[in-house]
């Protein structure tokens, strides 16, 4: 997420039908950023689109939001520059892959503890998105339809291909880094590049 204007607070739209979930996500946001934040809340997709004004910096949208869900919001707000993060119950839900292709910058698992979601949101804001095995397999299905003679996926750098293959087999990021002798930050950079490439595949 780009640096916000220092003359105004970070503006965050939280779109979730459940008031308890909205309150919890408000805590996640406030604990994630040192900047002052203005929180805007709504409970359905239509309201979220109306409230997604040009000065909104971050959107947290429930995957199953009424009146269209995260998919509809992402589809209709593709040109808006806000960082869009999906909240979901399941990281192995392959439908998340479609949301990434529509522009989601990452996802938070609703069942995770507060401190875990805070860390994950901070990582997403710094361009370090998550990539579960299920989503990695979806990426392989899309990007891996053509591979060169070395087994690398066309359109991916060799290390990106190695990272994606290992994540799809259930390796953790730490295990991937160790097996490829790379820093964890390099793995995050490769995942961010994979996100960008699946959107144009």
C-alpha atoms as a PDB file:
ATOM      1  CA  UNK A   1       0.000   0.000   0.000  1.00  0.00           C
ATOM      2  CA  UNK A   2       1.396   3.366  -0.942  1.00  0.00           C
ATOM      3  CA  UNK A   3       2.142   5.908   1.731  1.00  0.00           C
ATOM      4  CA  UNK A   4      -0.927   7.923   2.614  1.00  0.00           C
ATOM      5  CA  UNK A   5      -1.010  11.680   2.602  1.00  0.00           C
ATOM      6  CA  UNK A   6       0.309  12.841   5.979  1.00  0.00           C
ATOM      7  CA  UNK A   7      -2.330  15.594   6.111  1.00  0.00           C
ATOM      8  CA  UNK A   8      -5.180  13.109   6.429  1.00  0.00           C
ATOM      9  CA  UNK A   9      -5.824   9.789   8.179  1.00  0.00           C
ATOM     10  CA  UNK A  10      -5.975   6.400   6.507  1.00  0.00           C
ATOM     11  CA  UNK A  11      -9.533   5.794   5.302  1.00  0.00           C
ATOM     12  CA  UNK A  12     -10.691   2.186   5.582  1.00  0.00           C
ATOM     13  CA  UNK A  13     -13.953   0.672   4.359  1.00  0.00           C
ATOM     14  CA  UNK A  14     -15.058  -2.475   6.222  1.00  0.00           C
ATOM     15  CA  UNK A  15     -17.794  -4.371   4.380  1.00  0.00           C
ATOM     16  CA  UNK A  16     -19.268  -7.246   6.375  1.00  0.00           C
ATOM     17  CA  UNK A  17     -22.854  -8.188   7.213  1.00  0.00           C
ATOM     18  CA  UNK A  18     -22.000  -9.214  10.783  1.00  0.00           C
ATOM     19  CA  UNK A  19     -21.578  -6.306  13.271  1.00  0.00           C
ATOM     20  CA  UNK A  20     -19.320  -8.434  15.490  1.00  0.00           C
ATOM     21  CA  UNK A  21     -17.051  -9.158  12.536  1.00  0.00           C
ATOM     22  CA  UNK A  22     -16.939  -5.469  11.659  1.00  0.00           C
ATOM     23  CA  UNK A  23     -15.904  -4.570  15.205  1.00  0.00           C
ATOM     24  CA  UNK A  24     -13.189  -7.219  15.163  1.00  0.00           C
ATOM     25  CA  UNK A  25     -11.862  -6.023  11.801  1.00  0.00           C
ATOM     26  CA  UNK A  26     -11.844  -2.453  13.113  1.00  0.00           C
ATOM     27  CA  UNK A  27      -9.484  -3.650  15.872  1.00  0.00           C
ATOM     28  CA  UNK A  28      -7.329  -5.412  13.285  1.00  0.00           C
ATOM     29  CA  UNK A  29      -7.046  -2.198  11.270  1.00  0.00           C
ATOM     30  CA  UNK A  30      -6.313   0.001  14.269  1.00  0.00           C
ATOM     31  CA  UNK A  31      -3.636  -2.392  15.538  1.00  0.00           C
ATOM     32  CA  UNK A  32      -2.104  -2.754  12.081  1.00  0.00           C
ATOM     33  CA  UNK A  33      -1.334   0.870  11.278  1.00  0.00           C
ATOM     34  CA  UNK A  34       0.320   3.574  13.303  1.00  0.00           C
ATOM     35  CA  UNK A  35      -1.452   6.211  11.216  1.00  0.00           C
ATOM     36  CA  UNK A  36      -4.736   7.627  12.412  1.00  0.00           C
ATOM     37  CA  UNK A  37      -7.612   5.802  10.754  1.00  0.00           C
ATOM     38  CA  UNK A  38     -11.128   6.706   9.718  1.00  0.00           C
ATOM     39  CA  UNK A  39     -13.338   3.622   9.617  1.00  0.00           C
ATOM     40  CA  UNK A  40     -16.350   3.385   7.319  1.00  0.00           C
ATOM     41  CA  UNK A  41     -18.633   0.375   7.812  1.00  0.00           C
ATOM     42  CA  UNK A  42     -21.385  -1.214   5.747  1.00  0.00           C
ATOM     43  CA  UNK A  43     -23.218  -4.524   5.503  1.00  0.00           C
ATOM     44  CA  UNK A  44     -23.869  -5.161   1.788  1.00  0.00           C
ATOM     45  CA  UNK A  45     -22.237  -4.823  -1.606  1.00  0.00           C
ATOM     46  CA  UNK A  46     -24.425  -1.991  -2.858  1.00  0.00           C
ATOM     47  CA  UNK A  47     -23.608   0.163   0.153  1.00  0.00           C
ATOM     48  CA  UNK A  48     -19.922  -0.692  -0.158  1.00  0.00           C
ATOM     49  CA  UNK A  49     -19.838   0.514  -3.750  1.00  0.00           C
ATOM     50  CA  UNK A  50     -21.600   3.747  -2.775  1.00  0.00           C
ATOM     51  CA  UNK A  51     -19.119   4.345   0.060  1.00  0.00           C
ATOM     52  CA  UNK A  52     -16.040   3.503  -2.002  1.00  0.00           C
ATOM     53  CA  UNK A  53     -15.164   7.142  -2.566  1.00  0.00           C
ATOM     54  CA  UNK A  54     -11.908   8.257  -4.219  1.00  0.00           C
ATOM     55  CA  UNK A  55     -10.199   8.925  -0.877  1.00  0.00           C
ATOM     56  CA  UNK A  56     -10.679   5.369   0.501  1.00  0.00           C
ATOM     57  CA  UNK A  57      -7.251   3.743   0.913  1.00  0.00           C
ATOM     58  CA  UNK A  58      -8.129   0.222   2.053  1.00  0.00           C
ATOM     59  CA  UNK A  59     -11.158  -2.053   1.694  1.00  0.00           C
ATOM     60  CA  UNK A  60     -11.789  -5.164   3.794  1.00  0.00           C
ATOM     61  CA  UNK A  61     -14.636  -7.078   2.156  1.00  0.00           C
ATOM     62  CA  UNK A  62     -16.278 -10.311   3.300  1.00  0.00           C
ATOM     63  CA  UNK A  63     -16.165 -12.966   0.608  1.00  0.00           C
ATOM     64  CA  UNK A  64     -19.870 -13.710   1.184  1.00  0.00           C
ATOM     65  CA  UNK A  65     -21.060 -10.100   1.506  1.00  0.00           C
ATOM     66  CA  UNK A  66     -24.801  -9.846   0.676  1.00  0.00           C
ATOM     67  CA  UNK A  67     -25.909  -8.528  -2.729  1.00  0.00           C
ATOM     68  CA  UNK A  68     -23.034  -9.871  -4.761  1.00  0.00           C
ATOM     69  CA  UNK A  69     -20.164 -10.537  -2.399  1.00  0.00           C
ATOM     70  CA  UNK A  70     -16.515  -9.678  -2.803  1.00  0.00           C
ATOM     71  CA  UNK A  71     -16.598 -10.806  -6.426  1.00  0.00           C
ATOM     72  CA  UNK A  72     -19.162  -8.170  -7.398  1.00  0.00           C
ATOM     73  CA  UNK A  73     -17.385  -5.433  -5.463  1.00  0.00           C
ATOM     74  CA  UNK A  74     -14.033  -6.253  -7.054  1.00  0.00           C
ATOM     75  CA  UNK A  75     -15.541  -6.547 -10.518  1.00  0.00           C
ATOM     76  CA  UNK A  76     -17.208  -3.132 -10.299  1.00  0.00           C
ATOM     77  CA  UNK A  77     -14.365  -1.305  -8.564  1.00  0.00           C
ATOM     78  CA  UNK A  78     -11.438  -2.512 -10.609  1.00  0.00           C
ATOM     79  CA  UNK A  79     -10.217   0.995 -11.437  1.00  0.00           C
ATOM     80  CA  UNK A  80     -10.332   2.209  -7.837  1.00  0.00           C
ATOM     81  CA  UNK A  81      -6.792   2.432  -6.398  1.00  0.00           C
ATOM     82  CA  UNK A  82      -7.671   1.258  -2.877  1.00  0.00           C
ATOM     83  CA  UNK A  83      -5.963  -1.857  -1.578  1.00  0.00           C
ATOM     84  CA  UNK A  84      -8.682  -4.530  -1.522  1.00  0.00           C
ATOM     85  CA  UNK A  85      -8.434  -7.412   0.942  1.00  0.00           C
ATOM     86  CA  UNK A  86     -10.942 -10.265   1.168  1.00  0.00           C
ATOM     87  CA  UNK A  87     -11.955 -11.725   4.519  1.00  0.00           C
ATOM     88  CA  UNK A  88     -12.875 -15.396   4.389  1.00  0.00           C
ATOM     89  CA  UNK A  89     -13.387 -18.510   6.487  1.00  0.00           C
ATOM     90  CA  UNK A  90     -11.356 -20.824   4.258  1.00  0.00           C
ATOM     91  CA  UNK A  91      -7.897 -20.357   2.732  1.00  0.00           C
ATOM     92  CA  UNK A  92      -8.415 -23.537   0.713  1.00  0.00           C
ATOM     93  CA  UNK A  93     -11.499 -22.139  -1.032  1.00  0.00           C
ATOM     94  CA  UNK A  94     -10.488 -22.117  -4.682  1.00  0.00           C
ATOM     95  CA  UNK A  95     -12.951 -19.290  -5.317  1.00  0.00           C
ATOM     96  CA  UNK A  96     -10.388 -17.023  -3.650  1.00  0.00           C
ATOM     97  CA  UNK A  97      -8.270 -17.451  -6.751  1.00  0.00           C
ATOM     98  CA  UNK A  98     -10.965 -15.785  -8.860  1.00  0.00           C
ATOM     99  CA  UNK A  99     -10.970 -12.866  -6.419  1.00  0.00           C
ATOM    100  CA  UNK A 100      -7.197 -12.495  -6.733  1.00  0.00           C
ATOM    101  CA  UNK A 101      -7.586 -12.412 -10.507  1.00  0.00           C
ATOM    102  CA  UNK A 102     -10.173  -9.650 -10.058  1.00  0.00           C
ATOM    103  CA  UNK A 103      -7.717  -7.539  -8.066  1.00  0.00           C
ATOM    104  CA  UNK A 104      -7.757  -8.676  -4.433  1.00  0.00           C
ATOM    105  CA  UNK A 105      -4.373  -7.878  -2.895  1.00  0.00           C
ATOM    106  CA  UNK A 106      -4.692 -10.758  -0.429  1.00  0.00           C
ATOM    107  CA  UNK A 107      -6.984 -12.282   2.146  1.00  0.00           C
ATOM    108  CA  UNK A 108      -7.472 -12.584   5.903  1.00  0.00           C
ATOM    109  CA  UNK A 109      -8.772 -15.720   7.579  1.00  0.00           C
ATOM    110  CA  UNK A 110     -11.657 -14.871   9.892  1.00  0.00           C
ATOM    111  CA  UNK A 111     -10.835 -17.698  12.290  1.00  0.00           C
ATOM    112  CA  UNK A 112      -7.276 -16.449  12.908  1.00  0.00           C
ATOM    113  CA  UNK A 113      -6.405 -14.695  16.169  1.00  0.00           C
ATOM    114  CA  UNK A 114      -6.242 -10.917  16.269  1.00  0.00           C
ATOM    115  CA  UNK A 115      -2.442 -10.785  16.289  1.00  0.00           C
ATOM    116  CA  UNK A 116      -2.237 -13.153  13.315  1.00  0.00           C
ATOM    117  CA  UNK A 117      -4.646 -11.040  11.267  1.00  0.00           C
ATOM    118  CA  UNK A 118      -2.757  -7.884  12.225  1.00  0.00           C
ATOM    119  CA  UNK A 119       0.502  -9.393  11.006  1.00  0.00           C
ATOM    120  CA  UNK A 120      -1.131 -10.658   7.810  1.00  0.00           C
ATOM    121  CA  UNK A 121      -2.732  -7.300   7.020  1.00  0.00           C
ATOM    122  CA  UNK A 122       0.565  -5.522   7.589  1.00  0.00           C
ATOM    123  CA  UNK A 123       2.289  -7.954   5.240  1.00  0.00           C
ATOM    124  CA  UNK A 124      -0.357  -7.469   2.553  1.00  0.00           C
ATOM    125  CA  UNK A 125      -0.064  -3.686   2.904  1.00  0.00           C
ATOM    126  CA  UNK A 126       3.685  -4.028   2.319  1.00  0.00           C
ATOM    127  CA  UNK A 127       3.143  -6.080  -0.842  1.00  0.00           C
ATOM    128  CA  UNK A 128       3.605  -9.522   0.749  1.00  0.00           C
ATOM    129  CA  UNK A 129       0.393 -11.437  -0.026  1.00  0.00           C
ATOM    130  CA  UNK A 130      -0.383 -14.973   1.199  1.00  0.00           C
ATOM    131  CA  UNK A 131      -0.618 -17.960  -1.128  1.00  0.00           C
ATOM    132  CA  UNK A 132      -2.239 -21.132   0.232  1.00  0.00           C
ATOM    133  CA  UNK A 133      -1.598 -24.542  -1.371  1.00  0.00           C
ATOM    134  CA  UNK A 134      -5.087 -24.544  -2.920  1.00  0.00           C
ATOM    135  CA  UNK A 135      -4.606 -21.137  -4.512  1.00  0.00           C
ATOM    136  CA  UNK A 136      -1.095 -22.081  -5.653  1.00  0.00           C
ATOM    137  CA  UNK A 137      -2.588 -25.120  -7.391  1.00  0.00           C
ATOM    138  CA  UNK A 138      -5.113 -22.876  -9.126  1.00  0.00           C
ATOM    139  CA  UNK A 139      -2.277 -20.621 -10.261  1.00  0.00           C
ATOM    140  CA  UNK A 140      -0.431 -23.657 -11.585  1.00  0.00           C
ATOM    141  CA  UNK A 141      -3.527 -24.733 -13.504  1.00  0.00           C
ATOM    142  CA  UNK A 142      -3.710 -21.318 -15.185  1.00  0.00           C
ATOM    143  CA  UNK A 143      -0.026 -20.504 -15.604  1.00  0.00           C
ATOM    144  CA  UNK A 144       1.313 -24.025 -15.952  1.00  0.00           C
ATOM    145  CA  UNK A 145      -0.630 -24.973 -19.060  1.00  0.00           C
ATOM    146  CA  UNK A 146       2.587 -24.350 -21.003  1.00  0.00           C
ATOM    147  CA  UNK A 147       6.038 -25.192 -19.671  1.00  0.00           C
ATOM    148  CA  UNK A 148       9.405 -25.111 -21.340  1.00  0.00           C
ATOM    149  CA  UNK A 149      11.762 -28.064 -21.685  1.00  0.00           C
ATOM    150  CA  UNK A 150      13.336 -27.282 -18.307  1.00  0.00           C
ATOM    151  CA  UNK A 151       9.944 -27.656 -16.653  1.00  0.00           C
ATOM    152  CA  UNK A 152       9.630 -23.955 -15.852  1.00  0.00           C
ATOM    153  CA  UNK A 153       6.313 -22.249 -16.348  1.00  0.00           C
ATOM    154  CA  UNK A 154       6.283 -19.921 -19.317  1.00  0.00           C
ATOM    155  CA  UNK A 155       5.843 -16.332 -18.114  1.00  0.00           C
ATOM    156  CA  UNK A 156       7.385 -16.992 -14.704  1.00  0.00           C
ATOM    157  CA  UNK A 157      11.010 -16.611 -13.729  1.00  0.00           C
ATOM    158  CA  UNK A 158      12.615 -19.958 -12.792  1.00  0.00           C
ATOM    159  CA  UNK A 159      12.610 -19.109  -9.065  1.00  0.00           C
ATOM    160  CA  UNK A 160       8.953 -18.018  -9.256  1.00  0.00           C
ATOM    161  CA  UNK A 161       8.146 -21.344 -10.870  1.00  0.00           C
ATOM    162  CA  UNK A 162      10.029 -23.214  -8.123  1.00  0.00           C
ATOM    163  CA  UNK A 163       8.231 -21.242  -5.394  1.00  0.00           C
ATOM    164  CA  UNK A 164       4.803 -21.849  -6.922  1.00  0.00           C
ATOM    165  CA  UNK A 165       5.419 -25.566  -7.352  1.00  0.00           C
ATOM    166  CA  UNK A 166       6.571 -25.967  -3.751  1.00  0.00           C
ATOM    167  CA  UNK A 167       3.704 -23.939  -2.296  1.00  0.00           C
ATOM    168  CA  UNK A 168       1.231 -26.007  -4.309  1.00  0.00           C
ATOM    169  CA  UNK A 169       2.636 -29.125  -2.627  1.00  0.00           C
ATOM    170  CA  UNK A 170       2.021 -27.726   0.848  1.00  0.00           C
ATOM    171  CA  UNK A 171       5.437 -26.312   1.724  1.00  0.00           C
ATOM    172  CA  UNK A 172       5.370 -23.401   4.184  1.00  0.00           C
ATOM    173  CA  UNK A 173       7.073 -20.173   3.173  1.00  0.00           C
ATOM    174  CA  UNK A 174       9.886 -20.956   5.605  1.00  0.00           C
ATOM    175  CA  UNK A 175      10.331 -24.398   4.048  1.00  0.00           C
ATOM    176  CA  UNK A 176      10.324 -22.938   0.541  1.00  0.00           C
ATOM    177  CA  UNK A 177      12.957 -20.396   1.547  1.00  0.00           C
ATOM    178  CA  UNK A 178      15.129 -23.100   3.080  1.00  0.00           C
ATOM    179  CA  UNK A 179      14.815 -25.485   0.143  1.00  0.00           C
ATOM    180  CA  UNK A 180      15.746 -22.757  -2.358  1.00  0.00           C
ATOM    181  CA  UNK A 181      18.345 -21.032  -0.118  1.00  0.00           C
ATOM    182  CA  UNK A 182      16.422 -17.770  -0.351  1.00  0.00           C
ATOM    183  CA  UNK A 183      15.470 -15.137   2.229  1.00  0.00           C
ATOM    184  CA  UNK A 184      11.783 -15.091   3.307  1.00  0.00           C
ATOM    185  CA  UNK A 185      11.535 -11.599   1.818  1.00  0.00           C
ATOM    186  CA  UNK A 186      12.519 -12.993  -1.567  1.00  0.00           C
ATOM    187  CA  UNK A 187       9.761 -15.594  -1.337  1.00  0.00           C
ATOM    188  CA  UNK A 188       7.250 -12.820  -0.602  1.00  0.00           C
ATOM    189  CA  UNK A 189       8.492 -10.877  -3.630  1.00  0.00           C
ATOM    190  CA  UNK A 190       8.071 -13.929  -5.831  1.00  0.00           C
ATOM    191  CA  UNK A 191       4.521 -14.475  -4.540  1.00  0.00           C
ATOM    192  CA  UNK A 192       3.667 -10.829  -5.268  1.00  0.00           C
ATOM    193  CA  UNK A 193       4.965 -11.307  -8.807  1.00  0.00           C
ATOM    194  CA  UNK A 194       2.849 -14.455  -9.191  1.00  0.00           C
ATOM    195  CA  UNK A 195      -0.229 -12.473  -8.075  1.00  0.00           C
ATOM    196  CA  UNK A 196       0.466  -9.891 -10.781  1.00  0.00           C
ATOM    197  CA  UNK A 197       0.941 -12.512 -13.481  1.00  0.00           C
ATOM    198  CA  UNK A 198      -2.197 -14.527 -12.753  1.00  0.00           C
ATOM    199  CA  UNK A 199      -4.208 -11.333 -13.273  1.00  0.00           C
ATOM    200  CA  UNK A 200      -2.964 -11.029 -16.840  1.00  0.00           C
ATOM    201  CA  UNK A 201      -2.921 -14.727 -17.737  1.00  0.00           C
END
